[in-house]
């Protein structure tokens, strides 16, 4: 009898309990959670905590209820550190990384956790990568699509100045997660009707994919595997326009790599969180099912959560895609398990065995 395929969620988030957050984070207005666990807060910002599974014990219960074997926990987007003083930024990011490392260490069968660095300070970022990998035993680097550099200019993560970071990722065989945030800080539009989450975050992913592929980093750093959150959704619908632009104005792309070279590349992954089977079908047609991993973005309300209004539940989009013959059951199983493992470990069979042993222990 064949073994049951694992259900691994490749895009999850976790809040510290209020008492786990250092006092300086609240004193400096960087990030905290109120004692009643109703809101996450920053200076002049707050957001309701919409599900109890934002927290560890409740997350474990939620995973058990939904038959999820393992989850990849990303960093909190609020802790990218943009606009903070250097020392405050370093302390905040170190807190996030140490918290995630503790979660992975204490619950190795349930969680693989990521760590975050700030690209505006490349040397410090490389030191933190070394610490997180060699001391904390972490293998997933979380990066924002865009960041504020040391002189206050907003840049794309795949700027050539950040190549030392990618060299470190390549050296350590790291998986990399690219996630959007902070669009309202550099896109000069009124923050209304959730436009930065519903529209601009997807455009930020498309912009980051644009520069990853133009710079040919998927080949230049063969041991680094990059996954784009939210299906890199606008990157999919925009592929033809980018190809035509490259062909039509070659003078603008001297020394750059053709967009076609990156399509379906084994080192570029996308999660399933596109919210409809039409979007998922386009993603799979463009990139192939092997480059797609399961992503629930739990427990945020834009994640694939239980919802009576949407008759939704974790994993529904894969079930619908199989039902509508967009993918086969075998491809669906691979999106849940094999593809996530491949993104996390690459072609390192020893790393794959170590991870599987940890999950099954």
Protein backbone atom coordinates (compact mmCIF):
# COMPACT_ATOMS: atom_id res chain seq x y z
CA UNK A 1 0.00 0.00 0.00
CA UNK A 2 1.44 3.41 -0.96
CA UNK A 3 2.03 5.89 1.84
CA UNK A 4 -0.27 8.86 2.27
CA UNK A 5 1.05 12.02 0.65
CA UNK A 6 1.89 14.80 3.08
CA UNK A 7 0.00 18.08 3.19
CA UNK A 8 2.64 20.80 3.59
CA UNK A 9 1.57 24.43 3.64
CA UNK A 10 4.34 26.48 2.02
CA UNK A 11 3.07 29.93 3.09
CA UNK A 12 2.05 30.46 6.70
CA UNK A 13 2.44 33.15 9.36
CA UNK A 14 2.68 33.16 13.15
CA UNK A 15 2.41 35.92 15.73
CA UNK A 16 4.29 35.87 19.02
CA UNK A 17 2.09 35.95 22.09
CA UNK A 18 1.99 39.49 23.58
CA UNK A 19 4.26 38.54 26.49
CA UNK A 20 6.92 37.18 24.09
CA UNK A 21 7.48 40.56 22.40
CA UNK A 22 10.27 42.63 24.02
CA UNK A 23 9.19 45.87 25.65
CA UNK A 24 11.49 47.95 23.43
CA UNK A 25 9.40 46.92 20.41
CA UNK A 26 6.36 48.64 21.93
CA UNK A 27 8.32 51.56 23.39
CA UNK A 28 9.78 52.35 19.96
CA UNK A 29 6.45 51.77 18.17
CA UNK A 30 8.01 49.00 16.05
CA UNK A 31 5.52 46.17 16.62
CA UNK A 32 3.46 44.63 19.40
CA UNK A 33 0.25 42.72 20.17
CA UNK A 34 -2.28 43.97 22.72
CA UNK A 35 -2.74 41.91 25.88
CA UNK A 36 -6.22 40.77 24.80
CA UNK A 37 -4.82 39.44 21.51
CA UNK A 38 -7.29 41.49 19.49
CA UNK A 39 -4.89 43.70 17.51
CA UNK A 40 -1.37 43.75 16.12
CA UNK A 41 0.02 47.26 16.32
CA UNK A 42 2.74 49.64 15.17
CA UNK A 43 3.05 53.37 15.71
CA UNK A 44 0.03 54.98 13.97
CA UNK A 45 -1.10 51.56 12.64
CA UNK A 46 -3.15 48.63 13.83
CA UNK A 47 -4.80 45.60 12.32
CA UNK A 48 -7.37 43.24 13.85
CA UNK A 49 -6.28 39.71 14.68
CA UNK A 50 -8.96 37.86 12.75
CA UNK A 51 -8.27 34.27 13.80
CA UNK A 52 -6.94 32.59 16.92
CA UNK A 53 -4.56 30.52 14.77
CA UNK A 54 -2.28 33.55 14.54
CA UNK A 55 -0.77 32.07 17.73
CA UNK A 56 1.24 28.90 18.22
CA UNK A 57 -0.96 26.56 20.26
CA UNK A 58 -4.06 27.61 18.36
CA UNK A 59 -2.16 27.19 15.08
CA UNK A 60 -1.28 23.61 16.01
CA UNK A 61 -4.95 22.88 16.76
CA UNK A 62 -5.98 24.48 13.45
CA UNK A 63 -3.45 22.39 11.55
CA UNK A 64 -4.68 19.22 13.22
CA UNK A 65 -8.28 20.09 12.43
CA UNK A 66 -7.46 20.69 8.77
CA UNK A 67 -5.13 17.68 8.40
CA UNK A 68 -2.04 19.78 7.69
CA UNK A 69 1.15 17.88 8.43
CA UNK A 70 3.66 20.73 8.27
CA UNK A 71 3.83 24.48 7.67
CA UNK A 72 6.47 26.85 6.34
CA UNK A 73 6.33 29.94 8.56
CA UNK A 74 7.49 33.17 6.92
CA UNK A 75 8.54 36.31 8.75
CA UNK A 76 5.94 38.93 9.60
CA UNK A 77 5.79 41.58 6.88
CA UNK A 78 5.64 44.28 9.57
CA UNK A 79 9.18 43.30 10.56
CA UNK A 80 11.05 44.02 7.33
CA UNK A 81 12.54 47.00 9.19
CA UNK A 82 12.06 49.66 6.51
CA UNK A 83 12.50 53.20 7.84
CA UNK A 84 13.83 52.18 11.26
CA UNK A 85 17.06 53.42 12.77
CA UNK A 86 19.83 50.91 12.09
CA UNK A 87 20.19 49.58 15.65
CA UNK A 88 16.42 49.33 16.13
CA UNK A 89 16.10 47.51 12.82
CA UNK A 90 18.82 45.01 13.76
CA UNK A 91 17.20 44.30 17.15
CA UNK A 92 13.72 43.90 15.64
CA UNK A 93 14.87 41.53 12.89
CA UNK A 94 16.98 39.52 15.35
CA UNK A 95 13.93 39.13 17.59
CA UNK A 96 11.90 37.85 14.62
CA UNK A 97 14.61 35.41 13.58
CA UNK A 98 15.21 34.10 17.09
CA UNK A 99 11.45 33.67 17.60
CA UNK A 100 11.07 31.71 14.36
CA UNK A 101 14.15 29.61 15.17
CA UNK A 102 12.67 28.73 18.57
CA UNK A 103 9.37 27.68 16.98
CA UNK A 104 11.20 25.40 14.52
CA UNK A 105 13.46 23.99 17.25
CA UNK A 106 10.58 23.25 19.64
CA UNK A 107 8.22 21.85 16.98
CA UNK A 108 10.49 20.36 14.28
CA UNK A 109 7.84 18.00 12.90
CA UNK A 110 5.34 20.82 12.44
CA UNK A 111 7.26 23.90 11.31
CA UNK A 112 10.02 25.03 9.00
CA UNK A 113 10.61 28.70 9.70
CA UNK A 114 12.19 31.48 7.72
CA UNK A 115 14.51 34.32 8.70
CA UNK A 116 14.67 37.89 7.43
CA UNK A 117 17.47 40.36 6.68
CA UNK A 118 17.48 43.99 5.57
CA UNK A 119 19.12 44.46 2.14
CA UNK A 120 19.80 48.13 2.79
CA UNK A 121 22.78 47.04 4.88
CA UNK A 122 24.33 44.25 2.85
CA UNK A 123 27.29 43.42 5.09
CA UNK A 124 25.09 43.11 8.17
CA UNK A 125 22.59 41.09 6.14
CA UNK A 126 25.31 38.59 5.18
CA UNK A 127 26.42 38.26 8.80
CA UNK A 128 22.83 37.55 9.85
CA UNK A 129 22.42 34.96 7.09
CA UNK A 130 25.55 33.21 8.39
CA UNK A 131 24.20 33.28 11.98
CA UNK A 132 20.75 32.03 11.05
CA UNK A 133 22.10 29.15 8.96
CA UNK A 134 25.12 28.06 10.97
CA UNK A 135 23.92 28.80 14.51
CA UNK A 136 20.13 28.58 14.29
CA UNK A 137 19.90 25.85 11.63
CA UNK A 138 17.50 27.71 9.32
CA UNK A 139 17.31 27.21 5.56
CA UNK A 140 14.69 29.70 4.33
CA UNK A 141 15.57 33.32 3.65
CA UNK A 142 12.61 35.72 3.58
CA UNK A 143 13.03 38.92 1.56
CA UNK A 144 10.65 41.77 0.65
CA UNK A 145 9.94 42.64 -2.96
CA UNK A 146 11.11 46.20 -2.21
CA UNK A 147 13.07 47.90 0.56
CA UNK A 148 14.33 51.31 1.62
CA UNK A 149 18.09 51.70 1.23
CA UNK A 150 20.39 53.57 3.61
CA UNK A 151 19.71 56.96 1.96
CA UNK A 152 15.92 56.56 1.90
CA UNK A 153 15.47 55.43 -1.71
CA UNK A 154 13.08 52.55 -2.44
CA UNK A 155 14.64 49.74 -4.48
CA UNK A 156 13.71 46.32 -5.86
CA UNK A 157 15.14 43.37 -3.95
CA UNK A 158 16.84 42.07 -7.12
CA UNK A 159 18.98 45.17 -7.48
CA UNK A 160 22.54 44.21 -8.45
CA UNK A 161 23.85 45.79 -5.22
CA UNK A 162 22.33 42.85 -3.36
CA UNK A 163 24.31 40.17 -5.16
CA UNK A 164 26.39 39.41 -2.01
CA UNK A 165 23.13 38.28 -0.37
CA UNK A 166 22.33 35.98 -3.28
CA UNK A 167 25.89 34.64 -3.23
CA UNK A 168 25.32 33.67 0.42
CA UNK A 169 21.99 32.06 -0.47
CA UNK A 170 23.74 30.12 -3.21
CA UNK A 171 26.57 29.07 -0.87
CA UNK A 172 24.13 27.73 1.73
CA UNK A 173 21.65 26.13 -0.72
CA UNK A 174 18.85 28.33 0.59
CA UNK A 175 15.23 28.54 -0.37
CA UNK A 176 14.17 32.19 -0.74
CA UNK A 177 10.68 33.60 -0.26
CA UNK A 178 9.78 36.91 -1.94
CA UNK A 179 6.83 38.66 -0.32
CA UNK A 180 5.35 42.14 -0.94
CA UNK A 181 4.60 44.81 1.66
CA UNK A 182 4.99 48.55 2.40
CA UNK A 183 3.62 49.62 -1.00
CA UNK A 184 1.74 52.53 0.56
CA UNK A 185 5.10 54.00 1.65
CA UNK A 186 6.38 54.54 -1.87
CA UNK A 187 3.35 54.34 -4.20
CA UNK A 188 1.81 57.80 -3.99
CA UNK A 189 -1.85 56.91 -3.75
CA UNK A 190 -4.34 57.26 -0.92
CA UNK A 191 -4.50 54.08 1.15
CA UNK A 192 -8.17 53.29 0.64
CA UNK A 193 -10.33 50.25 -0.17
CA UNK A 194 -7.44 47.92 0.68
CA UNK A 195 -5.88 48.78 -2.69
CA UNK A 196 -2.31 48.00 -1.59
CA UNK A 197 -3.21 44.45 -0.58
CA UNK A 198 -5.63 43.72 -3.41
CA UNK A 199 -3.80 45.36 -6.34
CA UNK A 200 -0.37 46.75 -5.58
CA UNK A 201 1.09 43.79 -3.65
CA UNK A 202 0.58 41.70 -6.78
CA UNK A 203 2.24 44.38 -8.88
CA UNK A 204 5.17 44.42 -6.45
CA UNK A 205 5.61 40.67 -7.00
CA UNK A 206 5.50 41.21 -10.76
CA UNK A 207 8.15 43.92 -10.50
CA UNK A 208 10.48 41.70 -8.43
CA UNK A 209 10.03 38.79 -10.86
CA UNK A 210 10.85 41.19 -13.72
CA UNK A 211 14.28 41.98 -12.27
CA UNK A 212 15.10 38.48 -11.02
CA UNK A 213 14.67 37.17 -14.55
CA UNK A 214 16.25 40.12 -16.38
CA UNK A 215 19.37 39.64 -14.25
CA UNK A 216 19.29 35.90 -14.86
CA UNK A 217 19.75 35.14 -11.18
CA UNK A 218 17.93 31.81 -11.53
CA UNK A 219 20.99 30.58 -13.50
CA UNK A 220 23.70 32.74 -11.94
CA UNK A 221 22.89 31.30 -8.49
CA UNK A 222 21.91 27.68 -9.23
CA UNK A 223 21.66 26.65 -5.57
CA UNK A 224 19.17 29.42 -4.72
CA UNK A 225 15.51 28.63 -5.30
CA UNK A 226 13.12 31.57 -5.26
CA UNK A 227 9.39 31.41 -4.52
CA UNK A 228 7.03 34.32 -5.17
CA UNK A 229 4.09 34.80 -2.84
CA UNK A 230 0.51 35.03 -4.10
CA UNK A 231 1.33 33.14 -7.27
CA UNK A 232 3.40 36.09 -8.52
CA UNK A 233 0.01 36.77 -10.02
CA UNK A 234 0.62 39.86 -12.15
CA UNK A 235 3.86 38.30 -13.38
CA UNK A 236 1.73 35.62 -15.06
CA UNK A 237 -0.72 37.86 -16.92
CA UNK A 238 2.13 40.26 -17.79
CA UNK A 239 4.50 37.70 -19.33
CA UNK A 240 3.62 38.42 -22.96
CA UNK A 241 3.96 42.17 -22.51
CA UNK A 242 7.42 41.75 -20.99
CA UNK A 243 8.53 39.51 -23.87
CA UNK A 244 7.24 41.96 -26.46
CA UNK A 245 8.87 44.86 -24.66
CA UNK A 246 12.21 43.08 -24.54
CA UNK A 247 12.03 42.21 -28.24
CA UNK A 248 10.70 45.62 -29.29
CA UNK A 249 13.15 47.81 -27.37
CA UNK A 250 16.39 45.85 -27.09
CA UNK A 251 18.23 49.13 -26.46
CA UNK A 252 16.63 49.22 -22.99
CA UNK A 253 17.82 45.73 -22.05
CA UNK A 254 21.47 45.56 -23.05
CA UNK A 255 23.24 42.81 -21.12
CA UNK A 256 19.98 41.49 -19.69
CA UNK A 257 18.51 37.99 -19.91
CA UNK A 258 15.45 37.35 -22.11
CA UNK A 259 12.21 36.78 -20.13
CA UNK A 260 11.56 33.53 -22.02
CA UNK A 261 14.64 31.94 -20.44
CA UNK A 262 13.01 32.04 -17.00
CA UNK A 263 9.61 30.59 -17.88
CA UNK A 264 9.18 27.24 -16.13
CA UNK A 265 12.71 27.43 -14.70
CA UNK A 266 13.38 24.81 -12.02
CA UNK A 267 14.68 27.44 -9.57
CA UNK A 268 11.60 29.69 -9.66
CA UNK A 269 8.48 28.71 -7.73
CA UNK A 270 5.07 30.29 -7.09
CA UNK A 271 2.49 29.50 -4.45
CA UNK A 272 -1.14 28.63 -5.15
CA UNK A 273 -2.69 31.65 -3.46
CA UNK A 274 -4.36 33.19 -6.51
CA UNK A 275 -7.94 32.78 -5.21
CA UNK A 276 -9.54 31.25 -8.33
CA UNK A 277 -8.94 28.31 -10.62
CA UNK A 278 -8.63 30.57 -13.68
CA UNK A 279 -5.63 32.27 -12.11
CA UNK A 280 -4.18 28.91 -11.08
CA UNK A 281 -4.66 27.52 -14.59
CA UNK A 282 -2.76 30.46 -16.11
CA UNK A 283 0.05 30.01 -13.57
CA UNK A 284 0.35 26.31 -14.37
CA UNK A 285 0.15 26.87 -18.15
CA UNK A 286 2.96 29.43 -17.91
CA UNK A 287 5.28 27.76 -15.43
CA UNK A 288 4.29 24.07 -15.23
CA UNK A 289 2.78 22.36 -12.19
CA UNK A 290 6.22 21.35 -10.81
CA UNK A 291 6.99 25.01 -10.08
CA UNK A 292 3.87 25.50 -7.96
CA UNK A 293 3.74 24.96 -4.19
CA UNK A 294 0.84 24.99 -1.76
CA UNK A 295 0.35 28.36 -0.09
CA UNK A 296 -2.50 29.11 2.30
CA UNK A 297 -1.30 32.49 3.72
CA UNK A 298 -3.02 31.53 6.93
CA UNK A 299 -4.41 32.97 9.07
CA UNK A 300 -4.88 36.25 7.24
CA UNK A 301 -8.33 36.99 5.79
CA UNK A 302 -6.82 36.98 2.28
CA UNK A 303 -5.56 33.47 2.96
CA UNK A 304 -7.31 30.23 2.09
CA UNK A 305 -9.15 29.91 5.38
CA UNK A 306 -12.48 28.46 6.47
CA UNK A 307 -15.16 30.85 5.19
CA UNK A 308 -18.90 30.27 4.99
CA UNK A 309 -19.35 33.31 2.71
CA UNK A 310 -16.95 31.83 0.17
CA UNK A 311 -17.73 28.18 1.01
CA UNK A 312 -13.96 27.93 1.40
CA UNK A 313 -11.51 25.77 3.36
CA UNK A 314 -7.73 25.18 3.33
CA UNK A 315 -6.87 23.34 0.13
CA UNK A 316 -10.07 24.10 -1.75
CA UNK A 317 -8.33 25.55 -4.83
CA UNK A 318 -6.40 22.30 -5.40
CA UNK A 319 -9.55 20.22 -4.97
CA UNK A 320 -11.37 22.42 -7.49
CA UNK A 321 -8.45 22.32 -9.93
CA UNK A 322 -8.51 18.51 -9.85
CA UNK A 323 -12.29 18.45 -10.20
CA UNK A 324 -12.10 20.79 -13.23
CA UNK A 325 -9.23 18.78 -14.76
CA UNK A 326 -6.76 21.66 -14.60
CA UNK A 327 -4.35 19.31 -12.81
CA UNK A 328 -4.30 15.58 -12.07
CA UNK A 329 -4.48 14.12 -8.57
CA UNK A 330 -0.80 13.24 -8.86
CA UNK A 331 0.05 16.86 -9.69
CA UNK A 332 -2.13 18.02 -6.80
CA UNK A 333 -0.29 15.71 -4.40
CA UNK A 334 3.04 17.04 -5.68
CA UNK A 335 1.93 20.65 -5.09
CA UNK A 336 1.17 19.71 -1.49
CA UNK A 337 4.39 17.75 -0.86
CA UNK A 338 7.09 17.11 -3.49
CA UNK A 339 7.25 20.63 -4.90
CA UNK A 340 7.49 22.22 -1.45
CA UNK A 341 10.31 19.84 -0.51
CA UNK A 342 12.08 20.61 -3.80
CA UNK A 343 11.82 24.36 -3.17
CA UNK A 344 13.15 24.01 0.38
CA UNK A 345 15.97 21.56 -0.38
CA UNK A 346 16.73 21.67 -4.09
CA UNK A 347 18.66 18.70 -5.42
CA UNK A 348 20.32 18.00 -2.07
CA UNK A 349 19.08 14.48 -1.28
CA UNK A 350 20.60 14.53 2.20
CA UNK A 351 18.73 17.74 3.02
CA UNK A 352 15.49 16.23 1.68
CA UNK A 353 15.91 13.13 3.85
CA UNK A 354 16.71 15.25 6.89
CA UNK A 355 13.59 17.37 6.35
CA UNK A 356 11.33 14.38 5.73
CA UNK A 357 12.69 12.62 8.82
CA UNK A 358 11.97 15.75 10.84
CA UNK A 359 8.39 15.98 9.55
CA UNK A 360 7.68 12.29 10.08
CA UNK A 361 9.37 12.01 13.47
